Amino acid sequence: MDTRYDFGENTDRAIVYVRPVNVDDLPQDMREQVRDLTKLYAVHNEEGERLALVEGRDLAFQLARQNNMEPVTVH
């Protein structure tokens, strides 16, 4: 395919990845802090480092945008 596509302006915002995390997969000390939740959402940088764990997907996206990052979903 040889068609140019305009991706818009370069925003220079860091891309972060949002993915669901099963609480059962977390270390015991973290599981004890989660109450009755079974799933959290992790925000990772491009190197895969976990930056945050939050209760909901929407909150993960809001957190990223408030910190001048561009969130994308990963499965």
PDB file of N, CA and C in Angstrom:
ATOM      1  N   MET A   1       0.848  -1.163   0.000  1.00  0.00           N
ATOM      2  CA  MET A   1       0.000   0.000   0.000  1.00  0.00           C
ATOM      3  C   MET A   1       0.895   1.228   0.000  1.00  0.00           C
ATOM      4  N   ASP A   2       0.620   2.140  -0.889  1.00  0.00           N
ATOM      5  CA  ASP A   2       1.479   3.299  -1.061  1.00  0.00           C
ATOM      6  C   ASP A   2       0.677   4.591  -0.939  1.00  0.00           C
ATOM      7  N   THR A   3      -0.256   4.639  -0.025  1.00  0.00           N
ATOM      8  CA  THR A   3      -1.098   5.807   0.172  1.00  0.00           C
ATOM      9  C   THR A   3      -0.675   6.525   1.444  1.00  0.00           C
ATOM     10  N   ARG A   4      -0.466   7.817   1.343  1.00  0.00           N
ATOM     11  CA  ARG A   4      -0.090   8.600   2.513  1.00  0.00           C
ATOM     12  C   ARG A   4      -1.309   8.826   3.395  1.00  0.00           C
ATOM     13  N   TYR A   5      -1.067   8.831   4.704  1.00  0.00           N
ATOM     14  CA  TYR A   5      -2.129   9.071   5.667  1.00  0.00           C
ATOM     15  C   TYR A   5      -1.683  10.178   6.603  1.00  0.00           C
ATOM     16  N   ASP A   6      -2.540  11.173   6.789  1.00  0.00           N
ATOM     17  CA  ASP A   6      -2.242  12.282   7.693  1.00  0.00           C
ATOM     18  C   ASP A   6      -2.641  11.889   9.107  1.00  0.00           C
ATOM     19  N   PHE A   7      -1.658  11.676   9.968  1.00  0.00           N
ATOM     20  CA  PHE A   7      -1.926  11.317  11.350  1.00  0.00           C
ATOM     21  C   PHE A   7      -2.157  12.546  12.221  1.00  0.00           C
ATOM     22  N   GLY A   8      -2.212  13.706  11.637  1.00  0.00           N
ATOM     23  CA  GLY A   8      -2.430  14.920  12.419  1.00  0.00           C
ATOM     24  C   GLY A   8      -1.129  15.434  12.986  1.00  0.00           C
ATOM     25  N   GLU A   9      -1.261  16.427  13.845  1.00  0.00           N
ATOM     26  CA  GLU A   9      -0.078  17.023  14.448  1.00  0.00           C
ATOM     27  C   GLU A   9       0.582  16.051  15.420  1.00  0.00           C
ATOM     28  N   ASN A  10       1.883  16.150  15.500  1.00  0.00           N
ATOM     29  CA  ASN A  10       2.619  15.373  16.492  1.00  0.00           C
ATOM     30  C   ASN A  10       2.405  16.032  17.852  1.00  0.00           C
ATOM     31  N   THR A  11       1.773  15.334  18.755  1.00  0.00           N
ATOM     32  CA  THR A  11       1.427  15.923  20.045  1.00  0.00           C
ATOM     33  C   THR A  11       2.576  15.860  21.043  1.00  0.00           C
ATOM     34  N   ASP A  12       3.607  15.096  20.761  1.00  0.00           N
ATOM     35  CA  ASP A  12       4.741  14.923  21.677  1.00  0.00           C
ATOM     36  C   ASP A  12       4.294  14.449  23.056  1.00  0.00           C
ATOM     37  N   ARG A  13       3.176  13.775  23.112  1.00  0.00           N
ATOM     38  CA  ARG A  13       2.695  13.209  24.369  1.00  0.00           C
ATOM     39  C   ARG A  13       3.160  11.766  24.445  1.00  0.00           C
ATOM     40  N   ALA A  14       3.640  11.385  25.599  1.00  0.00           N
ATOM     41  CA  ALA A  14       4.097  10.013  25.793  1.00  0.00           C
ATOM     42  C   ALA A  14       2.914   9.053  25.677  1.00  0.00           C
ATOM     43  N   ILE A  15       3.120   7.959  24.985  1.00  0.00           N
ATOM     44  CA  ILE A  15       2.091   6.929  24.879  1.00  0.00           C
ATOM     45  C   ILE A  15       2.190   6.027  26.091  1.00  0.00           C
ATOM     46  N   VAL A  16       1.046   5.751  26.698  1.00  0.00           N
ATOM     47  CA  VAL A  16       0.977   4.788  27.789  1.00  0.00           C
ATOM     48  C   VAL A  16      -0.070   3.751  27.439  1.00  0.00           C
ATOM     49  N   TYR A  17       0.093   2.575  27.985  1.00  0.00           N
ATOM     50  CA  TYR A  17      -0.776   1.451  27.671  1.00  0.00           C
ATOM     51  C   TYR A  17      -1.626   1.104  28.878  1.00  0.00           C
ATOM     52  N   VAL A  18      -2.921   0.930  28.636  1.00  0.00           N
ATOM     53  CA  VAL A  18      -3.867   0.599  29.696  1.00  0.00           C
ATOM     54  C   VAL A  18      -4.330  -0.833  29.470  1.00  0.00           C
ATOM     55  N   ARG A  19      -4.220  -1.646  30.512  1.00  0.00           N
ATOM     56  CA  ARG A  19      -4.662  -3.028  30.373  1.00  0.00           C
ATOM     57  C   ARG A  19      -5.277  -3.515  31.677  1.00  0.00           C
ATOM     58  N   PRO A  20      -6.232  -4.431  31.568  1.00  0.00           N
ATOM     59  CA  PRO A  20      -6.832  -4.993  32.780  1.00  0.00           C
ATOM     60  C   PRO A  20      -5.860  -5.930  33.484  1.00  0.00           C
ATOM     61  N   VAL A  21      -5.969  -5.980  34.816  1.00  0.00           N
ATOM     62  CA  VAL A  21      -5.129  -6.846  35.635  1.00  0.00           C
ATOM     63  C   VAL A  21      -6.039  -7.560  36.627  1.00  0.00           C
ATOM     64  N   ASN A  22      -5.953  -8.869  36.669  1.00  0.00           N
ATOM     65  CA  ASN A  22      -6.699  -9.628  37.669  1.00  0.00           C
ATOM     66  C   ASN A  22      -6.048  -9.432  39.028  1.00  0.00           C
ATOM     67  N   VAL A  23      -6.848  -9.118  40.015  1.00  0.00           N
ATOM     68  CA  VAL A  23      -6.326  -8.894  41.359  1.00  0.00           C
ATOM     69  C   VAL A  23      -5.591 -10.132  41.865  1.00  0.00           C
ATOM     70  N   ASP A  24      -6.059 -11.320  41.493  1.00  0.00           N
ATOM     71  CA  ASP A  24      -5.399 -12.556  41.927  1.00  0.00           C
ATOM     72  C   ASP A  24      -3.955 -12.667  41.437  1.00  0.00           C
ATOM     73  N   ASP A  25      -3.602 -11.921  40.394  1.00  0.00           N
ATOM     74  CA  ASP A  25      -2.249 -11.959  39.849  1.00  0.00           C
ATOM     75  C   ASP A  25      -1.294 -10.989  40.553  1.00  0.00           C
ATOM     76  N   LEU A  26      -1.806 -10.189  41.465  1.00  0.00           N
ATOM     77  CA  LEU A  26      -0.985  -9.209  42.173  1.00  0.00           C
ATOM     78  C   LEU A  26      -0.339  -9.836  43.406  1.00  0.00           C
ATOM     79  N   PRO A  27       0.752  -9.250  43.888  1.00  0.00           N
ATOM     80  CA  PRO A  27       1.362  -9.735  45.127  1.00  0.00           C
ATOM     81  C   PRO A  27       0.382  -9.625  46.305  1.00  0.00           C
ATOM     82  N   GLN A  28       0.563 -10.464  47.294  1.00  0.00           N
ATOM     83  CA  GLN A  28      -0.348 -10.538  48.438  1.00  0.00           C
ATOM     84  C   GLN A  28      -0.554  -9.188  49.110  1.00  0.00           C
ATOM     85  N   ASP A  29       0.513  -8.430  49.327  1.00  0.00           N
ATOM     86  CA  ASP A  29       0.364  -7.153  50.023  1.00  0.00           C
ATOM     87  C   ASP A  29      -0.512  -6.172  49.247  1.00  0.00           C
ATOM     88  N   MET A  30      -0.500  -6.260  47.923  1.00  0.00           N
ATOM     89  CA  MET A  30      -1.366  -5.401  47.113  1.00  0.00           C
ATOM     90  C   MET A  30      -2.807  -5.899  47.137  1.00  0.00           C
ATOM     91  N   ARG A  31      -2.976  -7.212  47.093  1.00  0.00           N
ATOM     92  CA  ARG A  31      -4.334  -7.783  47.123  1.00  0.00           C
ATOM     93  C   ARG A  31      -5.069  -7.378  48.394  1.00  0.00           C
ATOM     94  N   GLU A  32      -4.349  -7.276  49.498  1.00  0.00           N
ATOM     95  CA  GLU A  32      -4.965  -6.915  50.772  1.00  0.00           C
ATOM     96  C   GLU A  32      -5.519  -5.490  50.780  1.00  0.00           C
ATOM     97  N   GLN A  33      -5.043  -4.642  49.873  1.00  0.00           N
ATOM     98  CA  GLN A  33      -5.466  -3.249  49.829  1.00  0.00           C
ATOM     99  C   GLN A  33      -6.618  -2.983  48.859  1.00  0.00           C
ATOM    100  N   VAL A  34      -7.069  -3.996  48.148  1.00  0.00           N
ATOM    101  CA  VAL A  34      -7.989  -3.803  47.030  1.00  0.00           C
ATOM    102  C   VAL A  34      -9.469  -3.959  47.378  1.00  0.00           C
ATOM    103  N   ARG A  35      -9.785  -4.313  48.567  1.00  0.00           N
ATOM    104  CA  ARG A  35     -11.177  -4.539  48.971  1.00  0.00           C
ATOM    105  C   ARG A  35     -11.754  -5.726  48.211  1.00  0.00           C
ATOM    106  N   ASP A  36     -12.962  -5.575  47.679  1.00  0.00           N
ATOM    107  CA  ASP A  36     -13.670  -6.682  47.025  1.00  0.00           C
ATOM    108  C   ASP A  36     -13.527  -6.696  45.507  1.00  0.00           C
ATOM    109  N   LEU A  37     -12.628  -5.905  44.961  1.00  0.00           N
ATOM    110  CA  LEU A  37     -12.470  -5.846  43.506  1.00  0.00           C
ATOM    111  C   LEU A  37     -11.805  -7.112  42.983  1.00  0.00           C
ATOM    112  N   THR A  38     -12.139  -7.483  41.761  1.00  0.00           N
ATOM    113  CA  THR A  38     -11.511  -8.634  41.119  1.00  0.00           C
ATOM    114  C   THR A  38     -10.621  -8.209  39.956  1.00  0.00           C
ATOM    115  N   LYS A  39     -10.797  -6.953  39.490  1.00  0.00           N
ATOM    116  CA  LYS A  39     -10.019  -6.462  38.355  1.00  0.00           C
ATOM    117  C   LYS A  39      -9.640  -5.006  38.588  1.00  0.00           C
ATOM    118  N   LEU A  40      -8.403  -4.671  38.244  1.00  0.00           N
ATOM    119  CA  LEU A  40      -7.914  -3.304  38.250  1.00  0.00           C
ATOM    120  C   LEU A  40      -7.404  -2.993  36.850  1.00  0.00           C
ATOM    121  N   TYR A  41      -7.025  -1.756  36.629  1.00  0.00           N
ATOM    122  CA  TYR A  41      -6.445  -1.370  35.343  1.00  0.00           C
ATOM    123  C   TYR A  41      -5.065  -0.780  35.583  1.00  0.00           C
ATOM    124  N   ALA A  42      -4.104  -1.271  34.830  1.00  0.00           N
ATOM    125  CA  ALA A  42      -2.723  -0.824  34.952  1.00  0.00           C
ATOM    126  C   ALA A  42      -2.395   0.140  33.824  1.00  0.00           C
ATOM    127  N   VAL A  43      -1.587   1.131  34.147  1.00  0.00           N
ATOM    128  CA  VAL A  43      -1.060   2.078  33.166  1.00  0.00           C
ATOM    129  C   VAL A  43       0.439   1.807  33.082  1.00  0.00           C
ATOM    130  N   HIS A  44       0.909   1.492  31.870  1.00  0.00           N
ATOM    131  CA  HIS A  44       2.319   1.160  31.640  1.00  0.00           C
ATOM    132  C   HIS A  44       2.943   2.145  30.659  1.00  0.00           C
ATOM    133  N   ASN A  45       4.223   2.443  30.846  1.00  0.00           N
ATOM    134  CA  ASN A  45       4.922   3.267  29.867  1.00  0.00           C
ATOM    135  C   ASN A  45       5.377   2.400  28.693  1.00  0.00           C
ATOM    136  N   GLU A  46       6.066   2.998  27.749  1.00  0.00           N
ATOM    137  CA  GLU A  46       6.476   2.285  26.535  1.00  0.00           C
ATOM    138  C   GLU A  46       7.460   1.151  26.813  1.00  0.00           C
ATOM    139  N   GLU A  47       8.177   1.218  27.928  1.00  0.00           N
ATOM    140  CA  GLU A  47       9.123   0.164  28.288  1.00  0.00           C
ATOM    141  C   GLU A  47       8.449  -0.960  29.067  1.00  0.00           C
ATOM    142  N   GLY A  48       7.163  -0.813  29.354  1.00  0.00           N
ATOM    143  CA  GLY A  48       6.435  -1.841  30.085  1.00  0.00           C
ATOM    144  C   GLY A  48       6.396  -1.644  31.583  1.00  0.00           C
ATOM    145  N   GLU A  49       7.018  -0.585  32.085  1.00  0.00           N
ATOM    146  CA  GLU A  49       7.010  -0.312  33.526  1.00  0.00           C
ATOM    147  C   GLU A  49       5.612   0.119  33.969  1.00  0.00           C
ATOM    148  N   ARG A  50       5.130  -0.495  35.037  1.00  0.00           N
ATOM    149  CA  ARG A  50       3.806  -0.137  35.553  1.00  0.00           C
ATOM    150  C   ARG A  50       3.905   1.187  36.281  1.00  0.00           C
ATOM    151  N   LEU A  51       3.108   2.152  35.829  1.00  0.00           N
ATOM    152  CA  LEU A  51       3.117   3.477  36.428  1.00  0.00           C
ATOM    153  C   LEU A  51       2.021   3.643  37.470  1.00  0.00           C
ATOM    154  N   ALA A  52       0.897   2.950  37.260  1.00  0.00           N
ATOM    155  CA  ALA A  52      -0.233   3.100  38.178  1.00  0.00           C
ATOM    156  C   ALA A  52      -1.171   1.917  38.071  1.00  0.00           C
ATOM    157  N   LEU A  53      -1.898   1.681  39.149  1.00  0.00           N
ATOM    158  CA  LEU A  53      -3.007   0.726  39.181  1.00  0.00           C
ATOM    159  C   LEU A  53      -4.214   1.493  39.688  1.00  0.00           C
ATOM    160  N   VAL A  54      -5.307   1.428  38.939  1.00  0.00           N
ATOM    161  CA  VAL A  54      -6.511   2.150  39.338  1.00  0.00           C
ATOM    162  C   VAL A  54      -7.726   1.252  39.203  1.00  0.00           C
ATOM    163  N   GLU A  55      -8.834   1.701  39.781  1.00  0.00           N
ATOM    164  CA  GLU A  55     -10.028   0.872  39.864  1.00  0.00           C
ATOM    165  C   GLU A  55     -10.734   0.668  38.531  1.00  0.00           C
ATOM    166  N   GLY A  56     -10.768   1.658  37.666  1.00  0.00           N
ATOM    167  CA  GLY A  56     -11.535   1.520  36.428  1.00  0.00           C
ATOM    168  C   GLY A  56     -10.780   1.972  35.195  1.00  0.00           C
ATOM    169  N   ARG A  57     -11.221   1.506  34.041  1.00  0.00           N
ATOM    170  CA  ARG A  57     -10.600   1.852  32.766  1.00  0.00           C
ATOM    171  C   ARG A  57     -10.703   3.358  32.505  1.00  0.00           C
ATOM    172  N   ASP A  58     -11.889   3.925  32.744  1.00  0.00           N
ATOM    173  CA  ASP A  58     -12.062   5.361  32.518  1.00  0.00           C
ATOM    174  C   ASP A  58     -11.113   6.174  33.384  1.00  0.00           C
ATOM    175  N   LEU A  59     -10.944   5.752  34.629  1.00  0.00           N
ATOM    176  CA  LEU A  59     -10.037   6.451  35.524  1.00  0.00           C
ATOM    177  C   LEU A  59      -8.595   6.358  35.022  1.00  0.00           C
ATOM    178  N   ALA A  60      -8.211   5.214  34.483  1.00  0.00           N
ATOM    179  CA  ALA A  60      -6.860   5.048  33.933  1.00  0.00           C
ATOM    180  C   ALA A  60      -6.629   6.021  32.778  1.00  0.00           C
ATOM    181  N   PHE A  61      -7.625   6.166  31.906  1.00  0.00           N
ATOM    182  CA  PHE A  61      -7.504   7.095  30.781  1.00  0.00           C
ATOM    183  C   PHE A  61      -7.452   8.540  31.266  1.00  0.00           C
ATOM    184  N   GLN A  62      -8.281   8.887  32.240  1.00  0.00           N
ATOM    185  CA  GLN A  62      -8.274  10.247  32.784  1.00  0.00           C
ATOM    186  C   GLN A  62      -6.932  10.566  33.428  1.00  0.00           C
ATOM    187  N   LEU A  63      -6.416   9.622  34.199  1.00  0.00           N
ATOM    188  CA  LEU A  63      -5.128   9.806  34.862  1.00  0.00           C
ATOM    189  C   LEU A  63      -4.018  10.071  33.843  1.00  0.00           C
ATOM    190  N   ALA A  64      -4.005   9.277  32.792  1.00  0.00           N
ATOM    191  CA  ALA A  64      -2.984   9.452  31.753  1.00  0.00           C
ATOM    192  C   ALA A  64      -3.098  10.827  31.099  1.00  0.00           C
ATOM    193  N   ARG A  65      -4.298  11.198  30.710  1.00  0.00           N
ATOM    194  CA  ARG A  65      -4.491  12.486  30.022  1.00  0.00           C
ATOM    195  C   ARG A  65      -4.166  13.663  30.930  1.00  0.00           C
ATOM    196  N   GLN A  66      -4.499  13.559  32.212  1.00  0.00           N
ATOM    197  CA  GLN A  66      -4.189  14.642  33.150  1.00  0.00           C
ATOM    198  C   GLN A  66      -2.687  14.815  33.335  1.00  0.00           C
ATOM    199  N   ASN A  67      -1.930  13.779  33.008  1.00  0.00           N
ATOM    200  CA  ASN A  67      -0.477  13.830  33.114  1.00  0.00           C
ATOM    201  C   ASN A  67       0.190  13.949  31.759  1.00  0.00           C
ATOM    202  N   ASN A  68      -0.567  14.494  30.783  1.00  0.00           N
ATOM    203  CA  ASN A  68      -0.065  14.778  29.440  1.00  0.00           C
ATOM    204  C   ASN A  68       0.473  13.533  28.728  1.00  0.00           C
ATOM    205  N   MET A  69      -0.260  12.421  28.898  1.00  0.00           N
ATOM    206  CA  MET A  69       0.092  11.172  28.234  1.00  0.00           C
ATOM    207  C   MET A  69      -1.063  10.752  27.334  1.00  0.00           C
ATOM    208  N   GLU A  70      -0.748   9.974  26.331  1.00  0.00           N
ATOM    209  CA  GLU A  70      -1.743   9.502  25.370  1.00  0.00           C
ATOM    210  C   GLU A  70      -2.024   8.008  25.644  1.00  0.00           C
ATOM    211  N   PRO A  71      -3.169   7.691  26.257  1.00  0.00           N
ATOM    212  CA  PRO A  71      -3.458   6.291  26.592  1.00  0.00           C
ATOM    213  C   PRO A  71      -4.002   5.493  25.416  1.00  0.00           C
ATOM    214  N   VAL A  72      -3.592   4.232  25.341  1.00  0.00           N
ATOM    215  CA  VAL A  72      -4.149   3.279  24.375  1.00  0.00           C
ATOM    216  C   VAL A  72      -4.423   1.973  25.119  1.00  0.00           C
ATOM    217  N   THR A  73      -5.405   1.234  24.650  1.00  0.00           N
ATOM    218  CA  THR A  73      -5.784  -0.017  25.293  1.00  0.00           C
ATOM    219  C   THR A  73      -4.925  -1.162  24.772  1.00  0.00           C
ATOM    220  N   VAL A  74      -4.527  -2.037  25.687  1.00  0.00           N
ATOM    221  CA  VAL A  74      -3.797  -3.262  25.348  1.00  0.00           C
ATOM    222  C   VAL A  74      -4.531  -4.415  25.998  1.00  0.00           C
ATOM    223  N   HIS A  75      -4.600  -5.548  25.309  1.00  0.00           N
ATOM    224  CA  HIS A  75      -5.293  -6.715  25.869  1.00  0.00           C
ATOM    225  C   HIS A  75      -4.324  -7.686  26.476  1.00  0.00           C
TER     226      HIS A  75
END
